[in-house]
Amino acid sequence: LIQWSSILRARMPSPQPWSLPRSKWEKTAVSDDAEPFRDDGCTFDRPLLGWTCVDSVESGDPFSDIVHQGIVLHMLGVCPESRIARSIARCYGSNDGELKSVAYLQGLAADELAG
């Protein structure tokens, strides 16, 4: 329902405690056919749609190369007029429950999701 165009992800090499200045940062363009991200038409004077959801890590997920089994907590906002979607996601390992990675995702929502 959301076509992510870019992901900015931070992760810590194991087994160090989390520290953003020491984390490894990675920026990824998701696919060549994704619409380029545009930041027009979405201001804070309009109502936004928002969700919080919990998913399991799946193949093709932004965290599947870090954790093979885990939980992802997404906090997602979508502008219904421009369809711009942004999410902050946290990935936890299912075996130890430790934070493995955090990510900022941006892209475009499908018409039926934004409307």
C-alpha atoms as a PDB file:
ATOM      1  CA  LEU A   1       0.000   0.000   0.000  1.00  0.00           C
ATOM      2  CA  ILE A   2       3.014   2.307   0.388  1.00  0.00           C
ATOM      3  CA  GLN A   3       5.767   2.498  -2.188  1.00  0.00           C
ATOM      4  CA  TRP A   4       8.873   3.443  -0.218  1.00  0.00           C
ATOM      5  CA  SER A   5      11.337   5.484  -2.253  1.00  0.00           C
ATOM      6  CA  SER A   6      14.155   5.891   0.263  1.00  0.00           C
ATOM      7  CA  ILE A   7      15.276   4.509   3.592  1.00  0.00           C
ATOM      8  CA  LEU A   8      17.738   6.038   6.048  1.00  0.00           C
ATOM      9  CA  ARG A   9      18.733   3.307   8.482  1.00  0.00           C
ATOM     10  CA  ALA A  10      21.012   3.115  11.517  1.00  0.00           C
ATOM     11  CA  ARG A  11      22.309  -0.073  13.110  1.00  0.00           C
ATOM     12  CA  MET A  12      24.911  -0.993  15.692  1.00  0.00           C
ATOM     13  CA  PRO A  13      27.586  -3.617  15.185  1.00  0.00           C
ATOM     14  CA  SER A  14      27.020  -6.420  17.685  1.00  0.00           C
ATOM     15  CA  PRO A  15      27.442  -6.632  20.667  1.00  0.00           C
ATOM     16  CA  GLN A  16      27.841  -2.907  21.438  1.00  0.00           C
ATOM     17  CA  PRO A  17      25.231  -0.920  23.361  1.00  0.00           C
ATOM     18  CA  TRP A  18      23.205   1.506  21.239  1.00  0.00           C
ATOM     19  CA  SER A  19      24.726   4.910  20.534  1.00  0.00           C
ATOM     20  CA  LEU A  20      23.645   6.973  17.534  1.00  0.00           C
ATOM     21  CA  PRO A  21      27.079   8.622  17.044  1.00  0.00           C
ATOM     22  CA  ARG A  22      28.708   5.150  16.839  1.00  0.00           C
ATOM     23  CA  SER A  23      26.003   3.547  14.718  1.00  0.00           C
ATOM     24  CA  LYS A  24      26.426   2.651  11.071  1.00  0.00           C
ATOM     25  CA  TRP A  25      24.200   4.825   8.845  1.00  0.00           C
ATOM     26  CA  GLU A  26      22.943   3.628   5.468  1.00  0.00           C
ATOM     27  CA  LYS A  27      20.802   5.459   2.911  1.00  0.00           C
ATOM     28  CA  THR A  28      19.100   3.327   0.295  1.00  0.00           C
ATOM     29  CA  ALA A  29      17.026   4.075  -2.792  1.00  0.00           C
ATOM     30  CA  VAL A  30      14.484   1.252  -2.745  1.00  0.00           C
ATOM     31  CA  SER A  31      13.848   0.724  -6.463  1.00  0.00           C
ATOM     32  CA  ASP A  32      14.412   2.370  -9.802  1.00  0.00           C
ATOM     33  CA  ASP A  33      10.703   2.340 -10.640  1.00  0.00           C
ATOM     34  CA  ALA A  34       9.582   4.064  -7.417  1.00  0.00           C
ATOM     35  CA  GLU A  35       8.238   7.564  -7.892  1.00  0.00           C
ATOM     36  CA  PRO A  36      10.809  10.130  -6.784  1.00  0.00           C
ATOM     37  CA  PHE A  37      10.092  11.633  -3.388  1.00  0.00           C
ATOM     38  CA  ARG A  38       8.576  15.057  -3.554  1.00  0.00           C
ATOM     39  CA  ASP A  39       8.048  17.315  -0.596  1.00  0.00           C
ATOM     40  CA  ASP A  40       5.402  19.612  -2.065  1.00  0.00           C
ATOM     41  CA  GLY A  41       1.883  20.150  -0.895  1.00  0.00           C
ATOM     42  CA  CYS A  42       2.177  18.643   2.580  1.00  0.00           C
ATOM     43  CA  THR A  43       2.039  21.234   5.313  1.00  0.00           C
ATOM     44  CA  PHE A  44       1.254  20.905   8.991  1.00  0.00           C
ATOM     45  CA  ASP A  45      -1.926  22.987   8.704  1.00  0.00           C
ATOM     46  CA  ARG A  46      -3.817  20.007   7.247  1.00  0.00           C
ATOM     47  CA  PRO A  47      -5.020  16.859   8.996  1.00  0.00           C
ATOM     48  CA  LEU A  48      -2.720  13.853   8.591  1.00  0.00           C
ATOM     49  CA  LEU A  49      -3.591  10.182   8.764  1.00  0.00           C
ATOM     50  CA  GLY A  50      -1.497   8.241  11.246  1.00  0.00           C
ATOM     51  CA  TRP A  51      -1.003   4.654  12.320  1.00  0.00           C
ATOM     52  CA  THR A  52       1.116   2.623  14.665  1.00  0.00           C
ATOM     53  CA  CYS A  53       1.501  -1.024  13.738  1.00  0.00           C
ATOM     54  CA  VAL A  54       3.605  -4.029  14.643  1.00  0.00           C
ATOM     55  CA  ASP A  55       4.823  -6.410  11.919  1.00  0.00           C
ATOM     56  CA  SER A  56       7.163  -9.346  11.746  1.00  0.00           C
ATOM     57  CA  VAL A  57      10.355  -9.070   9.681  1.00  0.00           C
ATOM     58  CA  GLU A  58       9.773 -10.547   6.222  1.00  0.00           C
ATOM     59  CA  SER A  59      11.886 -11.072   3.114  1.00  0.00           C
ATOM     60  CA  GLY A  60      12.346  -7.760   1.306  1.00  0.00           C
ATOM     61  CA  ASP A  61      11.699  -5.790   4.490  1.00  0.00           C
ATOM     62  CA  PRO A  62      14.192  -2.957   5.152  1.00  0.00           C
ATOM     63  CA  PHE A  63      15.475  -4.982   8.133  1.00  0.00           C
ATOM     64  CA  SER A  64      15.601  -8.502   6.628  1.00  0.00           C
ATOM     65  CA  ASP A  65      19.377  -8.312   6.075  1.00  0.00           C
ATOM     66  CA  ILE A  66      19.944  -7.513   9.778  1.00  0.00           C
ATOM     67  CA  VAL A  67      17.443  -9.781  11.546  1.00  0.00           C
ATOM     68  CA  HIS A  68      15.886 -12.946  10.100  1.00  0.00           C
ATOM     69  CA  GLN A  69      13.236 -13.180  12.823  1.00  0.00           C
ATOM     70  CA  GLY A  70      12.092 -10.057  14.578  1.00  0.00           C
ATOM     71  CA  ILE A  71       9.428  -7.481  15.263  1.00  0.00           C
ATOM     72  CA  VAL A  72       9.125  -4.073  13.552  1.00  0.00           C
ATOM     73  CA  LEU A  73       7.236  -1.202  15.181  1.00  0.00           C
ATOM     74  CA  HIS A  74       6.129   1.382  12.584  1.00  0.00           C
ATOM     75  CA  MET A  75       4.883   4.879  13.421  1.00  0.00           C
ATOM     76  CA  LEU A  76       3.461   6.105  10.131  1.00  0.00           C
ATOM     77  CA  GLY A  77       1.962   9.366   8.871  1.00  0.00           C
ATOM     78  CA  VAL A  78       0.360  10.076   5.484  1.00  0.00           C
ATOM     79  CA  CYS A  79      -0.823  13.373   3.992  1.00  0.00           C
ATOM     80  CA  PRO A  80      -4.151  12.505   2.298  1.00  0.00           C
ATOM     81  CA  GLU A  81      -3.807  15.281  -0.301  1.00  0.00           C
ATOM     82  CA  SER A  82      -0.234  14.716  -1.503  1.00  0.00           C
ATOM     83  CA  ARG A  83      -0.039  10.972  -0.537  1.00  0.00           C
ATOM     84  CA  ILE A  84       3.401  11.599   1.000  1.00  0.00           C
ATOM     85  CA  ALA A  85       4.104   8.901   3.583  1.00  0.00           C
ATOM     86  CA  ARG A  86       6.773   8.937   6.281  1.00  0.00           C
ATOM     87  CA  SER A  87       7.547   6.326   8.893  1.00  0.00           C
ATOM     88  CA  ILE A  88       9.894   5.864  11.803  1.00  0.00           C
ATOM     89  CA  ALA A  89      10.479   2.153  12.333  1.00  0.00           C
ATOM     90  CA  ARG A  90      12.256   0.264  15.100  1.00  0.00           C
ATOM     91  CA  CYS A  91      13.372  -3.344  14.621  1.00  0.00           C
ATOM     92  CA  TYR A  92      13.753  -5.709  17.580  1.00  0.00           C
ATOM     93  CA  GLY A  93      15.214  -9.219  17.530  1.00  0.00           C
ATOM     94  CA  SER A  94      12.714 -11.938  18.444  1.00  0.00           C
ATOM     95  CA  ASN A  95      15.270 -14.038  20.322  1.00  0.00           C
ATOM     96  CA  ASP A  96      16.654 -11.384  22.667  1.00  0.00           C
ATOM     97  CA  GLY A  97      14.174  -8.483  22.283  1.00  0.00           C
ATOM     98  CA  GLU A  98      17.059  -6.033  21.767  1.00  0.00           C
ATOM     99  CA  LEU A  99      16.830  -3.047  19.462  1.00  0.00           C
ATOM    100  CA  LYS A 100      18.649  -3.974  16.245  1.00  0.00           C
ATOM    101  CA  SER A 101      17.988  -1.007  13.963  1.00  0.00           C
ATOM    102  CA  VAL A 102      15.995   2.187  13.495  1.00  0.00           C
ATOM    103  CA  ALA A 103      14.942   3.640  10.151  1.00  0.00           C
ATOM    104  CA  TYR A 104      13.292   6.667   8.582  1.00  0.00           C
ATOM    105  CA  LEU A 105      11.298   5.709   5.482  1.00  0.00           C
ATOM    106  CA  GLN A 106       9.658   8.025   2.973  1.00  0.00           C
ATOM    107  CA  GLY A 107       7.530   7.368  -0.062  1.00  0.00           C
ATOM    108  CA  LEU A 108       4.049   7.598  -1.540  1.00  0.00           C
ATOM    109  CA  ALA A 109       0.843   5.944  -0.343  1.00  0.00           C
ATOM    110  CA  ALA A 110      -1.599   4.275  -2.702  1.00  0.00           C
ATOM    111  CA  ASP A 111      -4.699   6.325  -3.528  1.00  0.00           C
ATOM    112  CA  GLU A 112      -7.014   4.039  -1.534  1.00  0.00           C
ATOM    113  CA  LEU A 113      -4.849   4.358   1.597  1.00  0.00           C
ATOM    114  CA  ALA A 114      -4.518   8.154   1.460  1.00  0.00           C
ATOM    115  CA  GLY A 115      -8.141   8.793   0.568  1.00  0.00           C
END
